[in-house]
Amino acid sequence: MAKHLQRDLDHLAKQLLTMGAMVEEATNKAIHALGRRNKSLAQEVTAGDDAINDQENQIEESALKILALHQPVATDLRFIITALKVNNDLERIGDHAVAIAERAETLADLEPVPLPDEFQKLVAVVQKMVHDSLNALVERDASLARSVCMVDDEVDRIHRFMYSAMQHVMREDNRFIEPAINTISATRHMERIADLATNIAEDVVFMVEGEILRHNY
């Protein structure tokens, strides 16, 4: 029984890593499409969403099968609980990547809106949070996971700054109203991706240490 349980746990872990890679790629493509005004790259993100949804379903089925057949306890149970929660958060990150891609398609046909330097900082921080949260999951690194959690406030600050900056742009020149609104929407989706990366990091801490970190830092 123990051998069969370990086989199924290893399979679940591989499925989850595949899901993570798919979602990170979609996120990076969407953000690059936004910055480069690349409609074809944005369309690749949208086209790939069904595959992410299918992977989510397969992971959920695998996790529920393990619970039903093996009735795991202790660290194995914590891993399965984490897998289910992370799986859901990854699918939601994929949805936000699609939303960014849709904004990128719209913005590609509009006049470029002036962007402050903070926009590139937001992009870099969000991409790093996704990457580090997934690395923490792979390596079962609670320290790295905690470092991801500590960056979320900076993302919130930059998002508020971008909202104010785009309001100023719209007041100064009404030609930029539509692109500024779409830019605000895109940065909001990036902020939500950062929140979900933080959720994943918190779940890694739970998996490794058994500590429920949410709301406690």
C-alpha atoms as a PDB file:
ATOM      1  CA  MET A   1       0.000   0.000   0.000  1.00  0.00           C
ATOM      2  CA  ALA A   2       2.805   2.428   0.919  1.00  0.00           C
ATOM      3  CA  LYS A   3       4.490   1.861  -2.431  1.00  0.00           C
ATOM      4  CA  HIS A   4       1.271   2.556  -4.314  1.00  0.00           C
ATOM      5  CA  LEU A   5       0.644   5.694  -2.266  1.00  0.00           C
ATOM      6  CA  GLN A   6       4.116   7.045  -3.017  1.00  0.00           C
ATOM      7  CA  ARG A   7       3.657   6.326  -6.717  1.00  0.00           C
ATOM      8  CA  ASP A   8       0.398   8.266  -6.770  1.00  0.00           C
ATOM      9  CA  LEU A   9       1.903  11.138  -4.747  1.00  0.00           C
ATOM     10  CA  ASP A  10       4.831  11.367  -7.169  1.00  0.00           C
ATOM     11  CA  HIS A  11       2.417  11.445 -10.102  1.00  0.00           C
ATOM     12  CA  LEU A  12       0.391  14.226  -8.440  1.00  0.00           C
ATOM     13  CA  ALA A  13       3.565  16.225  -7.821  1.00  0.00           C
ATOM     14  CA  LYS A  14       4.552  15.944 -11.483  1.00  0.00           C
ATOM     15  CA  GLN A  15       1.097  17.046 -12.592  1.00  0.00           C
ATOM     16  CA  LEU A  16       1.294  20.070 -10.298  1.00  0.00           C
ATOM     17  CA  LEU A  17       4.736  21.045 -11.597  1.00  0.00           C
ATOM     18  CA  THR A  18       3.446  20.811 -15.157  1.00  0.00           C
ATOM     19  CA  MET A  19       0.531  23.062 -14.229  1.00  0.00           C
ATOM     20  CA  GLY A  20       2.924  25.545 -12.648  1.00  0.00           C
ATOM     21  CA  ALA A  21       5.088  25.667 -15.758  1.00  0.00           C
ATOM     22  CA  MET A  22       2.054  26.187 -17.999  1.00  0.00           C
ATOM     23  CA  VAL A  23       0.723  29.031 -15.874  1.00  0.00           C
ATOM     24  CA  GLU A  24       4.086  30.763 -15.493  1.00  0.00           C
ATOM     25  CA  GLU A  25       4.556  30.647 -19.258  1.00  0.00           C
ATOM     26  CA  ALA A  26       1.073  32.074 -19.837  1.00  0.00           C
ATOM     27  CA  THR A  27       1.722  34.867 -17.333  1.00  0.00           C
ATOM     28  CA  ASN A  28       5.048  35.813 -18.895  1.00  0.00           C
ATOM     29  CA  LYS A  29       3.599  35.744 -22.416  1.00  0.00           C
ATOM     30  CA  ALA A  30       0.659  37.926 -21.395  1.00  0.00           C
ATOM     31  CA  ILE A  31       2.883  40.497 -19.713  1.00  0.00           C
ATOM     32  CA  HIS A  32       5.302  40.535 -22.645  1.00  0.00           C
ATOM     33  CA  ALA A  33       2.385  40.929 -25.059  1.00  0.00           C
ATOM     34  CA  LEU A  34       1.209  43.896 -23.019  1.00  0.00           C
ATOM     35  CA  GLY A  35       4.590  45.599 -23.003  1.00  0.00           C
ATOM     36  CA  ARG A  36       5.430  44.866 -26.629  1.00  0.00           C
ATOM     37  CA  ARG A  37       1.930  45.505 -28.039  1.00  0.00           C
ATOM     38  CA  ASN A  38       2.058  42.013 -29.544  1.00  0.00           C
ATOM     39  CA  LYS A  39      -1.411  40.759 -30.511  1.00  0.00           C
ATOM     40  CA  SER A  40      -0.278  37.341 -31.745  1.00  0.00           C
ATOM     41  CA  LEU A  41       1.477  36.604 -28.450  1.00  0.00           C
ATOM     42  CA  ALA A  42      -1.634  37.693 -26.564  1.00  0.00           C
ATOM     43  CA  GLN A  43      -3.738  35.347 -28.680  1.00  0.00           C
ATOM     44  CA  GLU A  44      -1.429  32.446 -27.785  1.00  0.00           C
ATOM     45  CA  VAL A  45      -2.264  33.010 -24.118  1.00  0.00           C
ATOM     46  CA  THR A  46      -5.995  32.983 -24.780  1.00  0.00           C
ATOM     47  CA  ALA A  47      -5.726  29.850 -26.927  1.00  0.00           C
ATOM     48  CA  GLY A  48      -3.809  28.016 -24.211  1.00  0.00           C
ATOM     49  CA  ASP A  49      -6.365  28.562 -21.443  1.00  0.00           C
ATOM     50  CA  ASP A  50      -8.322  25.368 -22.177  1.00  0.00           C
ATOM     51  CA  ALA A  51      -5.197  23.269 -21.628  1.00  0.00           C
ATOM     52  CA  ILE A  52      -4.675  24.899 -18.221  1.00  0.00           C
ATOM     53  CA  ASN A  53      -8.299  24.202 -17.284  1.00  0.00           C
ATOM     54  CA  ASP A  54      -7.951  20.555 -18.355  1.00  0.00           C
ATOM     55  CA  GLN A  55      -4.792  20.205 -16.273  1.00  0.00           C
ATOM     56  CA  GLU A  56      -6.603  21.623 -13.252  1.00  0.00           C
ATOM     57  CA  ASN A  57      -9.323  18.988 -13.605  1.00  0.00           C
ATOM     58  CA  GLN A  58      -6.790  16.170 -13.912  1.00  0.00           C
ATOM     59  CA  ILE A  59      -4.937  17.291 -10.774  1.00  0.00           C
ATOM     60  CA  GLU A  60      -8.150  17.486  -8.781  1.00  0.00           C
ATOM     61  CA  GLU A  61      -9.147  14.002  -9.909  1.00  0.00           C
ATOM     62  CA  SER A  62      -5.728  12.613  -8.946  1.00  0.00           C
ATOM     63  CA  ALA A  63      -5.811  14.229  -5.502  1.00  0.00           C
ATOM     64  CA  LEU A  64      -9.333  13.021  -4.737  1.00  0.00           C
ATOM     65  CA  LYS A  65      -8.396   9.509  -5.886  1.00  0.00           C
ATOM     66  CA  ILE A  66      -5.474   9.436  -3.447  1.00  0.00           C
ATOM     67  CA  LEU A  67      -7.694  10.603  -0.599  1.00  0.00           C
ATOM     68  CA  ALA A  68     -10.295   7.947  -1.390  1.00  0.00           C
ATOM     69  CA  LEU A  69      -7.922   5.012  -1.934  1.00  0.00           C
ATOM     70  CA  HIS A  70      -5.124   5.621   0.565  1.00  0.00           C
ATOM     71  CA  GLN A  71      -6.548   7.819   3.351  1.00  0.00           C
ATOM     72  CA  PRO A  72      -3.177   9.557   3.843  1.00  0.00           C
ATOM     73  CA  VAL A  73      -2.171  11.252   7.098  1.00  0.00           C
ATOM     74  CA  ALA A  74       0.417  13.725   8.432  1.00  0.00           C
ATOM     75  CA  THR A  75       2.833  15.128   5.816  1.00  0.00           C
ATOM     76  CA  ASP A  76       1.220  13.232   2.932  1.00  0.00           C
ATOM     77  CA  LEU A  77      -2.172  14.685   3.809  1.00  0.00           C
ATOM     78  CA  ARG A  78      -0.706  18.187   4.055  1.00  0.00           C
ATOM     79  CA  PHE A  79       0.831  17.773   0.604  1.00  0.00           C
ATOM     80  CA  ILE A  80      -2.503  16.734  -0.936  1.00  0.00           C
ATOM     81  CA  ILE A  81      -4.354  19.615   0.734  1.00  0.00           C
ATOM     82  CA  THR A  82      -1.668  21.986  -0.559  1.00  0.00           C
ATOM     83  CA  ALA A  83      -1.865  20.494  -4.048  1.00  0.00           C
ATOM     84  CA  LEU A  84      -5.617  21.092  -4.200  1.00  0.00           C
ATOM     85  CA  LYS A  85      -5.299  24.694  -3.008  1.00  0.00           C
ATOM     86  CA  VAL A  86      -2.314  25.532  -5.219  1.00  0.00           C
ATOM     87  CA  ASN A  87      -4.039  23.918  -8.192  1.00  0.00           C
ATOM     88  CA  ASN A  88      -6.984  26.278  -7.793  1.00  0.00           C
ATOM     89  CA  ASP A  89      -4.734  29.323  -7.374  1.00  0.00           C
ATOM     90  CA  LEU A  90      -2.728  28.395 -10.471  1.00  0.00           C
ATOM     91  CA  GLU A  91      -5.891  28.105 -12.559  1.00  0.00           C
ATOM     92  CA  ARG A  92      -6.955  31.546 -11.348  1.00  0.00           C
ATOM     93  CA  ILE A  93      -3.541  32.980 -12.257  1.00  0.00           C
ATOM     94  CA  GLY A  94      -4.119  31.525 -15.723  1.00  0.00           C
ATOM     95  CA  ASP A  95      -7.450  33.352 -15.908  1.00  0.00           C
ATOM     96  CA  HIS A  96      -5.800  36.646 -14.964  1.00  0.00           C
ATOM     97  CA  ALA A  97      -3.105  36.024 -17.593  1.00  0.00           C
ATOM     98  CA  VAL A  98      -5.882  35.679 -20.187  1.00  0.00           C
ATOM     99  CA  ALA A  99      -7.428  38.936 -18.968  1.00  0.00           C
ATOM    100  CA  ILE A 100      -4.060  40.705 -19.327  1.00  0.00           C
ATOM    101  CA  ALA A 101      -3.701  39.227 -22.811  1.00  0.00           C
ATOM    102  CA  GLU A 102      -7.142  40.580 -23.748  1.00  0.00           C
ATOM    103  CA  ARG A 103      -6.104  44.038 -22.532  1.00  0.00           C
ATOM    104  CA  ALA A 104      -2.892  43.682 -24.549  1.00  0.00           C
ATOM    105  CA  GLU A 105      -4.879  42.945 -27.716  1.00  0.00           C
ATOM    106  CA  THR A 106      -7.018  46.035 -27.177  1.00  0.00           C
ATOM    107  CA  LEU A 107      -4.057  48.277 -26.364  1.00  0.00           C
ATOM    108  CA  ALA A 108      -2.173  47.146 -29.459  1.00  0.00           C
ATOM    109  CA  ASP A 109      -4.743  49.021 -31.580  1.00  0.00           C
ATOM    110  CA  LEU A 110      -4.704  52.194 -29.461  1.00  0.00           C
ATOM    111  CA  GLU A 111      -2.273  55.045 -29.111  1.00  0.00           C
ATOM    112  CA  PRO A 112       0.481  54.128 -26.600  1.00  0.00           C
ATOM    113  CA  VAL A 113      -0.180  55.655 -23.204  1.00  0.00           C
ATOM    114  CA  PRO A 114       2.770  57.250 -21.344  1.00  0.00           C
ATOM    115  CA  LEU A 115       3.838  54.852 -18.585  1.00  0.00           C
ATOM    116  CA  PRO A 116       5.851  55.702 -15.471  1.00  0.00           C
ATOM    117  CA  ASP A 117       8.967  53.710 -14.592  1.00  0.00           C
ATOM    118  CA  GLU A 118       6.997  52.022 -11.808  1.00  0.00           C
ATOM    119  CA  PHE A 119       5.134  50.004 -14.439  1.00  0.00           C
ATOM    120  CA  GLN A 120       8.263  48.022 -15.332  1.00  0.00           C
ATOM    121  CA  LYS A 121       8.966  47.529 -11.648  1.00  0.00           C
ATOM    122  CA  LEU A 122       5.480  46.071 -11.211  1.00  0.00           C
ATOM    123  CA  VAL A 123       6.057  43.691 -14.111  1.00  0.00           C
ATOM    124  CA  ALA A 124       9.395  42.517 -12.714  1.00  0.00           C
ATOM    125  CA  VAL A 125       8.106  42.031  -9.170  1.00  0.00           C
ATOM    126  CA  VAL A 126       4.994  40.104 -10.231  1.00  0.00           C
ATOM    127  CA  GLN A 127       6.956  37.791 -12.520  1.00  0.00           C
ATOM    128  CA  LYS A 128       9.497  37.125  -9.759  1.00  0.00           C
ATOM    129  CA  MET A 129       6.756  36.391  -7.222  1.00  0.00           C
ATOM    130  CA  VAL A 130       5.200  33.785  -9.514  1.00  0.00           C
ATOM    131  CA  HIS A 131       8.596  32.245 -10.268  1.00  0.00           C
ATOM    132  CA  ASP A 132       9.731  32.189  -6.628  1.00  0.00           C
ATOM    133  CA  SER A 133       6.455  30.797  -5.304  1.00  0.00           C
ATOM    134  CA  LEU A 134       6.692  27.903  -7.762  1.00  0.00           C
ATOM    135  CA  ASN A 135      10.364  27.334  -6.930  1.00  0.00           C
ATOM    136  CA  ALA A 136       9.448  27.284  -3.245  1.00  0.00           C
ATOM    137  CA  LEU A 137       6.838  24.636  -4.055  1.00  0.00           C
ATOM    138  CA  VAL A 138       9.288  22.500  -6.035  1.00  0.00           C
ATOM    139  CA  GLU A 139      12.077  22.787  -3.463  1.00  0.00           C
ATOM    140  CA  ARG A 140       9.733  22.738  -0.442  1.00  0.00           C
ATOM    141  CA  ASP A 141      11.545  25.888   0.646  1.00  0.00           C
ATOM    142  CA  ALA A 142       9.591  27.631   3.403  1.00  0.00           C
ATOM    143  CA  SER A 143      12.160  30.430   3.659  1.00  0.00           C
ATOM    144  CA  LEU A 144      11.772  31.349  -0.016  1.00  0.00           C
ATOM    145  CA  ALA A 145       7.994  31.112   0.350  1.00  0.00           C
ATOM    146  CA  ARG A 146       8.054  33.568   3.252  1.00  0.00           C
ATOM    147  CA  SER A 147      10.115  36.011   1.186  1.00  0.00           C
ATOM    148  CA  VAL A 148       7.395  35.971  -1.496  1.00  0.00           C
ATOM    149  CA  CYS A 149       4.772  36.880   1.099  1.00  0.00           C
ATOM    150  CA  MET A 150       6.771  39.879   2.241  1.00  0.00           C
ATOM    151  CA  VAL A 151       6.788  41.478  -1.237  1.00  0.00           C
ATOM    152  CA  ASP A 152       3.008  41.648  -1.675  1.00  0.00           C
ATOM    153  CA  ASP A 153       2.672  45.035   0.044  1.00  0.00           C
ATOM    154  CA  GLU A 154       5.100  46.537  -2.493  1.00  0.00           C
ATOM    155  CA  VAL A 155       2.910  45.305  -5.352  1.00  0.00           C
ATOM    156  CA  ASP A 156      -0.126  46.908  -3.722  1.00  0.00           C
ATOM    157  CA  ARG A 157       1.794  50.191  -3.416  1.00  0.00           C
ATOM    158  CA  ILE A 158       2.829  50.186  -7.070  1.00  0.00           C
ATOM    159  CA  HIS A 159      -0.691  49.317  -8.172  1.00  0.00           C
ATOM    160  CA  ARG A 160      -2.083  52.306  -6.263  1.00  0.00           C
ATOM    161  CA  PHE A 161       0.600  54.501  -7.822  1.00  0.00           C
ATOM    162  CA  MET A 162      -0.281  53.270 -11.328  1.00  0.00           C
ATOM    163  CA  TYR A 163      -3.964  54.000 -10.723  1.00  0.00           C
ATOM    164  CA  SER A 164      -3.152  57.584  -9.747  1.00  0.00           C
ATOM    165  CA  ALA A 165      -0.702  57.992 -12.630  1.00  0.00           C
ATOM    166  CA  MET A 166      -3.261  56.843 -15.203  1.00  0.00           C
ATOM    167  CA  GLN A 167      -5.899  59.160 -13.718  1.00  0.00           C
ATOM    168  CA  HIS A 168      -3.474  62.041 -14.176  1.00  0.00           C
ATOM    169  CA  VAL A 169      -2.800  61.024 -17.795  1.00  0.00           C
ATOM    170  CA  MET A 170      -6.530  60.952 -18.556  1.00  0.00           C
ATOM    171  CA  ARG A 171      -7.089  64.369 -17.019  1.00  0.00           C
ATOM    172  CA  GLU A 172      -4.214  65.851 -18.995  1.00  0.00           C
ATOM    173  CA  ASP A 173      -5.196  64.436 -22.407  1.00  0.00           C
ATOM    174  CA  ASN A 174      -8.538  62.799 -23.201  1.00  0.00           C
ATOM    175  CA  ARG A 175      -6.966  60.931 -26.141  1.00  0.00           C
ATOM    176  CA  PHE A 176      -5.506  58.575 -23.553  1.00  0.00           C
ATOM    177  CA  ILE A 177      -8.726  57.762 -21.716  1.00  0.00           C
ATOM    178  CA  GLU A 178      -9.321  54.375 -23.356  1.00  0.00           C
ATOM    179  CA  PRO A 179      -5.710  53.131 -23.263  1.00  0.00           C
ATOM    180  CA  ALA A 180      -5.306  54.378 -19.681  1.00  0.00           C
ATOM    181  CA  ILE A 181      -8.433  52.533 -18.548  1.00  0.00           C
ATOM    182  CA  ASN A 182      -7.192  49.335 -20.177  1.00  0.00           C
ATOM    183  CA  THR A 183      -3.778  49.816 -18.570  1.00  0.00           C
ATOM    184  CA  ILE A 184      -5.383  50.213 -15.139  1.00  0.00           C
ATOM    185  CA  SER A 185      -7.293  46.992 -15.765  1.00  0.00           C
ATOM    186  CA  ALA A 186      -4.107  45.152 -16.756  1.00  0.00           C
ATOM    187  CA  THR A 187      -2.229  46.327 -13.666  1.00  0.00           C
ATOM    188  CA  ARG A 188      -5.159  45.259 -11.504  1.00  0.00           C
ATOM    189  CA  HIS A 189      -4.899  41.746 -12.938  1.00  0.00           C
ATOM    190  CA  MET A 190      -1.148  41.774 -12.236  1.00  0.00           C
ATOM    191  CA  GLU A 191      -1.884  42.762  -8.646  1.00  0.00           C
ATOM    192  CA  ARG A 192      -4.287  39.824  -8.360  1.00  0.00           C
ATOM    193  CA  ILE A 193      -1.634  37.463  -9.751  1.00  0.00           C
ATOM    194  CA  ALA A 194       0.703  38.673  -7.017  1.00  0.00           C
ATOM    195  CA  ASP A 195      -1.992  37.941  -4.416  1.00  0.00           C
ATOM    196  CA  LEU A 196      -2.373  34.409  -5.747  1.00  0.00           C
ATOM    197  CA  ALA A 197       1.396  33.869  -5.787  1.00  0.00           C
ATOM    198  CA  THR A 198       1.325  34.901  -2.128  1.00  0.00           C
ATOM    199  CA  ASN A 199      -1.416  32.346  -1.478  1.00  0.00           C
ATOM    200  CA  ILE A 200       0.753  29.653  -3.034  1.00  0.00           C
ATOM    201  CA  ALA A 201       3.714  30.706  -0.896  1.00  0.00           C
ATOM    202  CA  GLU A 202       1.570  30.562   2.241  1.00  0.00           C
ATOM    203  CA  ASP A 203       0.434  27.070   1.296  1.00  0.00           C
ATOM    204  CA  VAL A 204       4.051  25.982   0.851  1.00  0.00           C
ATOM    205  CA  VAL A 205       4.793  27.098   4.405  1.00  0.00           C
ATOM    206  CA  PHE A 206       1.809  25.048   5.589  1.00  0.00           C
ATOM    207  CA  MET A 207       2.964  22.020   3.628  1.00  0.00           C
ATOM    208  CA  VAL A 208       6.538  22.173   4.923  1.00  0.00           C
ATOM    209  CA  GLU A 209       6.057  23.396   8.482  1.00  0.00           C
ATOM    210  CA  GLY A 210       2.393  22.782   9.246  1.00  0.00           C
ATOM    211  CA  GLU A 211       1.946  26.476  10.076  1.00  0.00           C
ATOM    212  CA  ILE A 212      -1.054  28.421   8.799  1.00  0.00           C
ATOM    213  CA  LEU A 213       0.603  31.652   7.765  1.00  0.00           C
ATOM    214  CA  ARG A 214      -2.338  33.572   6.317  1.00  0.00           C
ATOM    215  CA  HIS A 215      -3.075  36.840   8.155  1.00  0.00           C
ATOM    216  CA  ASN A 216      -0.212  36.142  10.592  1.00  0.00           C
ATOM    217  CA  TYR A 217       2.618  38.286   9.166  1.00  0.00           C
END
